[in-house]
N, C-alpha and C. Protein backbone atom coordinates (compact mmCIF):
# COMPACT_ATOMS: atom_id res chain seq x y z
N MET A 1 -11.71 21.84 37.13
CA MET A 1 -10.66 22.51 36.38
C MET A 1 -10.69 21.97 34.95
N ALA A 2 -10.69 22.85 33.97
CA ALA A 2 -10.66 22.45 32.56
C ALA A 2 -9.24 22.04 32.20
N LEU A 3 -9.14 20.95 31.46
CA LEU A 3 -7.84 20.46 31.01
C LEU A 3 -7.65 20.84 29.55
N ASP A 4 -6.45 21.24 29.18
CA ASP A 4 -6.12 21.67 27.83
C ASP A 4 -6.37 20.53 26.84
N PRO A 5 -7.32 20.70 25.91
CA PRO A 5 -7.64 19.63 24.96
C PRO A 5 -6.46 19.22 24.07
N SER A 6 -5.57 20.16 23.74
CA SER A 6 -4.44 19.81 22.89
C SER A 6 -3.42 18.95 23.65
N LEU A 7 -3.30 19.15 24.94
CA LEU A 7 -2.44 18.29 25.75
C LEU A 7 -3.08 16.92 25.94
N LEU A 8 -4.37 16.89 26.23
CA LEU A 8 -5.07 15.61 26.37
C LEU A 8 -4.99 14.79 25.09
N ALA A 9 -5.09 15.43 23.94
CA ALA A 9 -5.04 14.73 22.66
C ALA A 9 -3.72 13.97 22.49
N MET A 10 -2.66 14.48 23.06
CA MET A 10 -1.36 13.81 22.93
C MET A 10 -1.38 12.40 23.52
N PHE A 11 -2.17 12.17 24.57
CA PHE A 11 -2.24 10.84 25.17
C PHE A 11 -2.90 9.84 24.23
N GLY A 12 -3.76 10.32 23.35
CA GLY A 12 -4.38 9.45 22.37
C GLY A 12 -3.53 9.23 21.13
N GLU A 13 -2.67 10.18 20.85
CA GLU A 13 -1.84 10.10 19.64
C GLU A 13 -0.54 9.35 19.87
N ILE A 14 -0.03 9.36 21.07
CA ILE A 14 1.25 8.73 21.39
C ILE A 14 0.95 7.50 22.25
N ARG A 15 1.40 6.33 21.83
CA ARG A 15 1.01 5.07 22.49
C ARG A 15 1.90 4.62 23.63
N GLY A 16 3.02 5.28 23.84
CA GLY A 16 3.91 4.88 24.92
C GLY A 16 4.33 6.09 25.71
N GLY A 17 4.72 5.85 26.94
CA GLY A 17 5.15 6.96 27.78
C GLY A 17 5.88 6.48 29.00
N THR A 18 6.08 7.40 29.93
CA THR A 18 6.81 7.10 31.16
C THR A 18 5.86 7.21 32.35
N LEU A 19 5.72 6.10 33.06
CA LEU A 19 4.92 6.05 34.27
C LEU A 19 5.85 6.37 35.44
N ILE A 20 5.45 7.32 36.26
CA ILE A 20 6.26 7.73 37.39
C ILE A 20 5.49 7.46 38.68
N THR A 21 6.09 6.62 39.52
CA THR A 21 5.53 6.29 40.82
C THR A 21 6.51 6.78 41.89
N LEU A 22 6.11 6.66 43.14
CA LEU A 22 6.95 7.13 44.23
C LEU A 22 7.49 5.97 45.05
N LYS A 23 8.82 5.94 45.18
CA LYS A 23 9.46 4.93 46.01
C LYS A 23 9.15 5.21 47.48
N ARG A 24 9.45 4.23 48.30
CA ARG A 24 9.21 4.36 49.74
C ARG A 24 9.89 5.61 50.32
N ASP A 25 11.08 5.95 49.80
CA ASP A 25 11.81 7.12 50.33
C ASP A 25 11.39 8.43 49.67
N GLY A 26 10.37 8.39 48.78
CA GLY A 26 9.84 9.60 48.17
C GLY A 26 10.45 9.95 46.82
N ARG A 27 11.55 9.27 46.45
CA ARG A 27 12.15 9.55 45.14
C ARG A 27 11.29 8.94 44.04
N PRO A 28 11.33 9.51 42.83
CA PRO A 28 10.53 8.97 41.72
C PRO A 28 11.15 7.69 41.16
N GLN A 29 10.29 6.80 40.70
CA GLN A 29 10.70 5.60 39.98
C GLN A 29 9.97 5.67 38.65
N SER A 30 10.69 5.54 37.54
CA SER A 30 10.05 5.66 36.23
C SER A 30 10.16 4.36 35.45
N SER A 31 9.13 4.11 34.65
CA SER A 31 9.05 2.91 33.81
C SER A 31 8.45 3.30 32.48
N VAL A 32 9.03 2.83 31.40
CA VAL A 32 8.49 3.07 30.07
C VAL A 32 7.47 1.97 29.78
N VAL A 33 6.26 2.37 29.41
CA VAL A 33 5.16 1.44 29.18
C VAL A 33 4.33 1.90 27.98
N THR A 34 3.46 1.01 27.50
CA THR A 34 2.48 1.38 26.49
C THR A 34 1.13 1.57 27.17
N HIS A 35 0.23 2.26 26.50
CA HIS A 35 -1.06 2.56 27.11
C HIS A 35 -2.15 2.68 26.05
N ALA A 36 -3.37 2.65 26.52
CA ALA A 36 -4.54 3.04 25.73
C ALA A 36 -5.17 4.22 26.48
N PHE A 37 -5.74 5.14 25.73
CA PHE A 37 -6.33 6.34 26.34
C PHE A 37 -7.75 6.51 25.87
N ASP A 38 -8.65 6.76 26.82
CA ASP A 38 -10.05 7.05 26.51
C ASP A 38 -10.27 8.54 26.78
N PRO A 39 -10.39 9.35 25.71
CA PRO A 39 -10.54 10.79 25.93
C PRO A 39 -11.86 11.17 26.58
N ALA A 40 -12.89 10.34 26.43
CA ALA A 40 -14.20 10.67 27.00
C ALA A 40 -14.15 10.78 28.52
N ASP A 41 -13.38 9.89 29.15
CA ASP A 41 -13.28 9.97 30.61
C ASP A 41 -11.86 10.24 31.10
N ARG A 42 -10.95 10.61 30.16
CA ARG A 42 -9.56 11.00 30.47
C ARG A 42 -8.81 9.89 31.20
N THR A 43 -9.06 8.63 30.81
CA THR A 43 -8.47 7.51 31.52
C THR A 43 -7.43 6.78 30.68
N LEU A 44 -6.26 6.57 31.28
CA LEU A 44 -5.21 5.74 30.71
C LEU A 44 -5.37 4.33 31.26
N ARG A 45 -5.11 3.33 30.42
CA ARG A 45 -5.08 1.93 30.86
C ARG A 45 -3.73 1.34 30.47
N ILE A 46 -3.11 0.64 31.42
CA ILE A 46 -1.77 0.09 31.24
C ILE A 46 -1.73 -1.31 31.84
N SER A 47 -1.12 -2.25 31.12
CA SER A 47 -0.91 -3.60 31.63
C SER A 47 0.36 -3.63 32.48
N LEU A 48 0.24 -4.20 33.67
CA LEU A 48 1.37 -4.28 34.60
C LEU A 48 1.54 -5.71 35.11
N THR A 49 2.73 -5.97 35.63
CA THR A 49 3.00 -7.22 36.32
C THR A 49 3.00 -6.94 37.82
N ASP A 50 2.34 -7.81 38.57
CA ASP A 50 2.17 -7.57 40.01
C ASP A 50 3.50 -7.53 40.76
N SER A 51 4.50 -8.23 40.30
CA SER A 51 5.76 -8.36 41.05
C SER A 51 6.72 -7.19 40.86
N ARG A 52 6.38 -6.22 40.05
CA ARG A 52 7.31 -5.12 39.75
C ARG A 52 7.26 -4.01 40.79
N ALA A 53 8.36 -3.26 40.86
CA ALA A 53 8.48 -2.16 41.82
C ALA A 53 7.37 -1.13 41.63
N LYS A 54 7.06 -0.80 40.38
CA LYS A 54 6.04 0.24 40.16
C LYS A 54 4.70 -0.15 40.76
N THR A 55 4.36 -1.45 40.68
CA THR A 55 3.09 -1.91 41.24
C THR A 55 3.13 -1.83 42.76
N ARG A 56 4.23 -2.26 43.36
CA ARG A 56 4.36 -2.15 44.82
C ARG A 56 4.28 -0.68 45.25
N ASN A 57 4.94 0.20 44.50
CA ASN A 57 4.89 1.62 44.83
C ASN A 57 3.47 2.15 44.83
N MET A 58 2.68 1.78 43.82
CA MET A 58 1.30 2.29 43.72
C MET A 58 0.40 1.70 44.78
N ARG A 59 0.68 0.49 45.22
CA ARG A 59 -0.13 -0.08 46.31
C ARG A 59 0.12 0.70 47.61
N ARG A 60 1.32 1.20 47.78
CA ARG A 60 1.67 1.97 48.98
C ARG A 60 1.23 3.42 48.86
N ASP A 61 1.42 4.02 47.67
CA ASP A 61 1.08 5.43 47.44
C ASP A 61 0.54 5.53 46.01
N PRO A 62 -0.75 5.70 45.85
CA PRO A 62 -1.36 5.64 44.52
C PRO A 62 -1.19 6.90 43.66
N ARG A 63 -0.51 7.91 44.14
CA ARG A 63 -0.29 9.11 43.33
C ARG A 63 0.71 8.79 42.22
N VAL A 64 0.32 9.10 40.97
CA VAL A 64 1.19 8.81 39.83
C VAL A 64 1.19 9.97 38.84
N SER A 65 2.23 9.99 38.03
CA SER A 65 2.32 10.90 36.88
C SER A 65 2.63 10.04 35.67
N TYR A 66 2.19 10.50 34.51
CA TYR A 66 2.44 9.78 33.26
C TYR A 66 2.78 10.80 32.19
N GLN A 67 3.93 10.62 31.53
CA GLN A 67 4.40 11.58 30.54
C GLN A 67 4.47 10.93 29.16
N VAL A 68 3.96 11.66 28.16
CA VAL A 68 4.16 11.31 26.76
C VAL A 68 4.94 12.44 26.11
N THR A 69 5.78 12.07 25.14
CA THR A 69 6.66 13.03 24.49
C THR A 69 6.61 12.81 22.98
N SER A 70 6.58 13.89 22.21
CA SER A 70 6.59 13.76 20.76
C SER A 70 7.94 13.21 20.29
N SER A 71 7.96 12.66 19.09
CA SER A 71 9.19 12.05 18.57
C SER A 71 10.31 13.07 18.40
N ASP A 72 9.97 14.34 18.20
CA ASP A 72 11.02 15.36 18.07
C ASP A 72 11.43 15.95 19.44
N LEU A 73 10.82 15.46 20.51
CA LEU A 73 11.10 15.88 21.89
C LEU A 73 10.75 17.34 22.16
N TRP A 74 9.99 17.97 21.29
CA TRP A 74 9.66 19.38 21.45
C TRP A 74 8.38 19.59 22.25
N THR A 75 7.41 18.68 22.09
CA THR A 75 6.15 18.80 22.83
C THR A 75 6.00 17.60 23.75
N TYR A 76 5.30 17.84 24.86
CA TYR A 76 5.08 16.77 25.83
C TYR A 76 3.84 17.09 26.65
N ALA A 77 3.31 16.06 27.26
CA ALA A 77 2.20 16.24 28.20
C ALA A 77 2.43 15.32 29.39
N VAL A 78 2.17 15.85 30.57
CA VAL A 78 2.26 15.08 31.80
C VAL A 78 0.88 15.09 32.43
N GLY A 79 0.36 13.90 32.70
CA GLY A 79 -0.92 13.76 33.37
C GLY A 79 -0.71 13.22 34.77
N GLU A 80 -1.48 13.73 35.70
CA GLU A 80 -1.40 13.26 37.09
C GLU A 80 -2.74 12.69 37.50
N GLY A 81 -2.69 11.70 38.37
CA GLY A 81 -3.92 11.09 38.87
C GLY A 81 -3.62 10.08 39.96
N ILE A 82 -4.65 9.34 40.28
CA ILE A 82 -4.57 8.31 41.33
C ILE A 82 -4.68 6.95 40.67
N ALA A 83 -3.73 6.07 40.98
CA ALA A 83 -3.72 4.71 40.42
C ALA A 83 -4.90 3.90 40.94
N GLN A 84 -5.55 3.22 40.01
CA GLN A 84 -6.58 2.24 40.35
C GLN A 84 -6.12 0.92 39.75
N LEU A 85 -5.91 -0.08 40.59
CA LEU A 85 -5.39 -1.36 40.15
C LEU A 85 -6.47 -2.43 40.22
N THR A 86 -6.59 -3.21 39.15
CA THR A 86 -7.52 -4.35 39.18
C THR A 86 -6.89 -5.45 40.05
N PRO A 87 -7.67 -6.45 40.39
CA PRO A 87 -7.05 -7.63 41.02
C PRO A 87 -6.07 -8.27 40.02
N VAL A 88 -5.15 -9.05 40.54
CA VAL A 88 -4.21 -9.78 39.70
C VAL A 88 -4.96 -10.89 38.98
N ALA A 89 -4.63 -11.12 37.72
CA ALA A 89 -5.26 -12.19 36.94
C ALA A 89 -5.06 -13.53 37.66
N ALA A 90 -6.15 -14.25 37.91
CA ALA A 90 -6.07 -15.52 38.63
C ALA A 90 -6.62 -16.69 37.82
N ASP A 91 -7.40 -16.38 36.79
CA ASP A 91 -8.03 -17.40 35.95
C ASP A 91 -8.10 -16.85 34.54
N PRO A 92 -7.85 -17.67 33.52
CA PRO A 92 -7.86 -17.16 32.15
C PRO A 92 -9.18 -16.50 31.72
N HIS A 93 -10.24 -16.72 32.48
CA HIS A 93 -11.54 -16.15 32.09
C HIS A 93 -12.11 -15.22 33.15
N ASP A 94 -11.24 -14.68 34.03
CA ASP A 94 -11.75 -13.74 35.02
C ASP A 94 -11.84 -12.33 34.44
N ALA A 95 -12.41 -11.42 35.23
CA ALA A 95 -12.64 -10.05 34.76
C ALA A 95 -11.35 -9.32 34.43
N THR A 96 -10.29 -9.59 35.19
CA THR A 96 -9.01 -8.93 34.92
C THR A 96 -8.47 -9.35 33.56
N VAL A 97 -8.50 -10.63 33.26
CA VAL A 97 -8.01 -11.10 31.96
C VAL A 97 -8.89 -10.54 30.84
N ASP A 98 -10.20 -10.46 31.07
CA ASP A 98 -11.07 -9.83 30.06
C ASP A 98 -10.63 -8.38 29.82
N ASP A 99 -10.30 -7.64 30.91
CA ASP A 99 -9.79 -6.27 30.77
C ASP A 99 -8.48 -6.24 29.98
N LEU A 100 -7.61 -7.20 30.26
CA LEU A 100 -6.33 -7.26 29.56
C LEU A 100 -6.52 -7.56 28.07
N VAL A 101 -7.49 -8.40 27.73
CA VAL A 101 -7.80 -8.69 26.32
C VAL A 101 -8.27 -7.41 25.64
N THR A 102 -9.18 -6.69 26.27
CA THR A 102 -9.67 -5.43 25.70
C THR A 102 -8.54 -4.43 25.52
N LEU A 103 -7.68 -4.32 26.52
CA LEU A 103 -6.54 -3.41 26.44
C LEU A 103 -5.62 -3.82 25.28
N TYR A 104 -5.31 -5.10 25.16
CA TYR A 104 -4.45 -5.57 24.07
C TYR A 104 -5.07 -5.19 22.72
N ARG A 105 -6.35 -5.44 22.56
CA ARG A 105 -7.03 -5.10 21.29
C ARG A 105 -6.94 -3.61 21.01
N ASP A 106 -7.11 -2.79 22.04
CA ASP A 106 -7.06 -1.34 21.84
C ASP A 106 -5.67 -0.85 21.47
N VAL A 107 -4.63 -1.54 21.96
CA VAL A 107 -3.26 -1.12 21.69
C VAL A 107 -2.69 -1.77 20.43
N ALA A 108 -2.95 -3.07 20.26
CA ALA A 108 -2.24 -3.82 19.21
C ALA A 108 -3.14 -4.57 18.22
N GLY A 109 -4.44 -4.58 18.43
CA GLY A 109 -5.32 -5.31 17.52
C GLY A 109 -5.55 -6.73 18.01
N GLU A 110 -5.75 -7.63 17.07
CA GLU A 110 -6.06 -9.02 17.42
C GLU A 110 -4.79 -9.82 17.71
N HIS A 111 -4.91 -10.72 18.66
CA HIS A 111 -3.82 -11.64 19.01
C HIS A 111 -4.01 -12.93 18.22
N PRO A 112 -2.94 -13.59 17.80
CA PRO A 112 -3.10 -14.82 17.01
C PRO A 112 -3.64 -16.01 17.81
N ASP A 113 -3.53 -15.99 19.14
CA ASP A 113 -4.01 -17.11 19.96
C ASP A 113 -4.47 -16.59 21.32
N TRP A 114 -5.76 -16.29 21.42
CA TRP A 114 -6.28 -15.70 22.65
C TRP A 114 -6.19 -16.63 23.84
N ASP A 115 -6.33 -17.95 23.63
CA ASP A 115 -6.20 -18.88 24.76
C ASP A 115 -4.79 -18.81 25.33
N GLU A 116 -3.79 -18.78 24.45
CA GLU A 116 -2.41 -18.67 24.90
C GLU A 116 -2.19 -17.34 25.64
N TYR A 117 -2.73 -16.26 25.09
CA TYR A 117 -2.60 -14.95 25.71
C TYR A 117 -3.21 -14.94 27.11
N ARG A 118 -4.43 -15.47 27.23
CA ARG A 118 -5.12 -15.50 28.51
C ARG A 118 -4.31 -16.28 29.56
N ALA A 119 -3.78 -17.43 29.16
CA ALA A 119 -2.97 -18.23 30.09
C ALA A 119 -1.70 -17.48 30.50
N ALA A 120 -1.09 -16.77 29.57
CA ALA A 120 0.13 -16.01 29.86
C ALA A 120 -0.15 -14.88 30.85
N MET A 121 -1.31 -14.25 30.75
CA MET A 121 -1.65 -13.16 31.67
C MET A 121 -1.73 -13.67 33.11
N VAL A 122 -2.27 -14.87 33.30
CA VAL A 122 -2.33 -15.46 34.63
C VAL A 122 -0.93 -15.85 35.09
N ALA A 123 -0.17 -16.52 34.22
CA ALA A 123 1.19 -16.96 34.57
C ALA A 123 2.09 -15.78 34.91
N ASP A 124 1.90 -14.66 34.22
CA ASP A 124 2.72 -13.47 34.46
C ASP A 124 2.28 -12.66 35.68
N GLY A 125 1.09 -12.95 36.21
CA GLY A 125 0.57 -12.15 37.33
C GLY A 125 0.22 -10.75 36.89
N ARG A 126 -0.45 -10.64 35.74
CA ARG A 126 -0.79 -9.33 35.18
C ARG A 126 -2.03 -8.73 35.81
N LEU A 127 -2.12 -7.41 35.71
CA LEU A 127 -3.27 -6.63 36.13
C LEU A 127 -3.36 -5.38 35.29
N VAL A 128 -4.43 -4.63 35.43
CA VAL A 128 -4.61 -3.39 34.67
C VAL A 128 -4.57 -2.20 35.62
N LEU A 129 -3.77 -1.22 35.24
CA LEU A 129 -3.72 0.07 35.93
C LEU A 129 -4.61 1.04 35.17
N ARG A 130 -5.46 1.75 35.89
CA ARG A 130 -6.25 2.84 35.33
C ARG A 130 -5.85 4.12 36.04
N ILE A 131 -5.63 5.16 35.24
CA ILE A 131 -5.34 6.49 35.79
C ILE A 131 -6.30 7.47 35.13
N THR A 132 -7.19 8.05 35.91
CA THR A 132 -8.03 9.13 35.41
C THR A 132 -7.27 10.42 35.65
N LEU A 133 -6.95 11.11 34.56
CA LEU A 133 -6.13 12.31 34.65
C LEU A 133 -6.93 13.45 35.27
N ASP A 134 -6.43 13.98 36.40
CA ASP A 134 -7.11 15.10 37.04
C ASP A 134 -6.33 16.40 36.92
N HIS A 135 -5.10 16.31 36.40
CA HIS A 135 -4.27 17.49 36.17
C HIS A 135 -3.34 17.16 35.00
N VAL A 136 -3.22 18.08 34.06
CA VAL A 136 -2.34 17.89 32.90
C VAL A 136 -1.58 19.18 32.65
N TYR A 137 -0.28 19.04 32.36
CA TYR A 137 0.53 20.19 31.99
C TYR A 137 1.53 19.77 30.94
N GLY A 138 2.18 20.72 30.31
CA GLY A 138 3.18 20.40 29.32
C GLY A 138 3.31 21.47 28.28
N ARG A 139 3.85 21.09 27.13
CA ARG A 139 4.01 21.99 25.99
C ARG A 139 3.24 21.37 24.84
N ALA A 140 2.13 22.01 24.48
CA ALA A 140 1.25 21.49 23.44
C ALA A 140 1.82 21.78 22.05
N PRO A 141 1.44 20.93 21.09
CA PRO A 141 1.86 21.22 19.70
C PRO A 141 1.29 22.57 19.24
N SER A 142 2.02 23.23 18.38
CA SER A 142 1.58 24.55 17.87
C SER A 142 0.52 24.39 16.80
């Protein structure tokens, strides 16, 4: 299925959105997060903490939606996909922390102290969520 390029572009232009996961009882749980988007493979990357409800929800049911909205609230895009979670950061130099460093650089640029950042990712129990968008809908900019 072809995805609307103008809707996909919104994920690259807007850096924050709402991640929607499913609670055990089927109701939606939403969290506002920041993301990086790779348009070549339609993949969102998001830093998460392992102890949060959204992470537990995705481990139980990996179906997710992610919405970005323009500042004027007139246009929006919702992407759907399956959550892919990295292992939880366990060592400042493991593959998950390397992914988190790359994600940080893509979202915010350089960090003033990478050693401190790496240690914080382990202490926080961070991991990376990847969502490859397989369905997108919304209201595209004119």
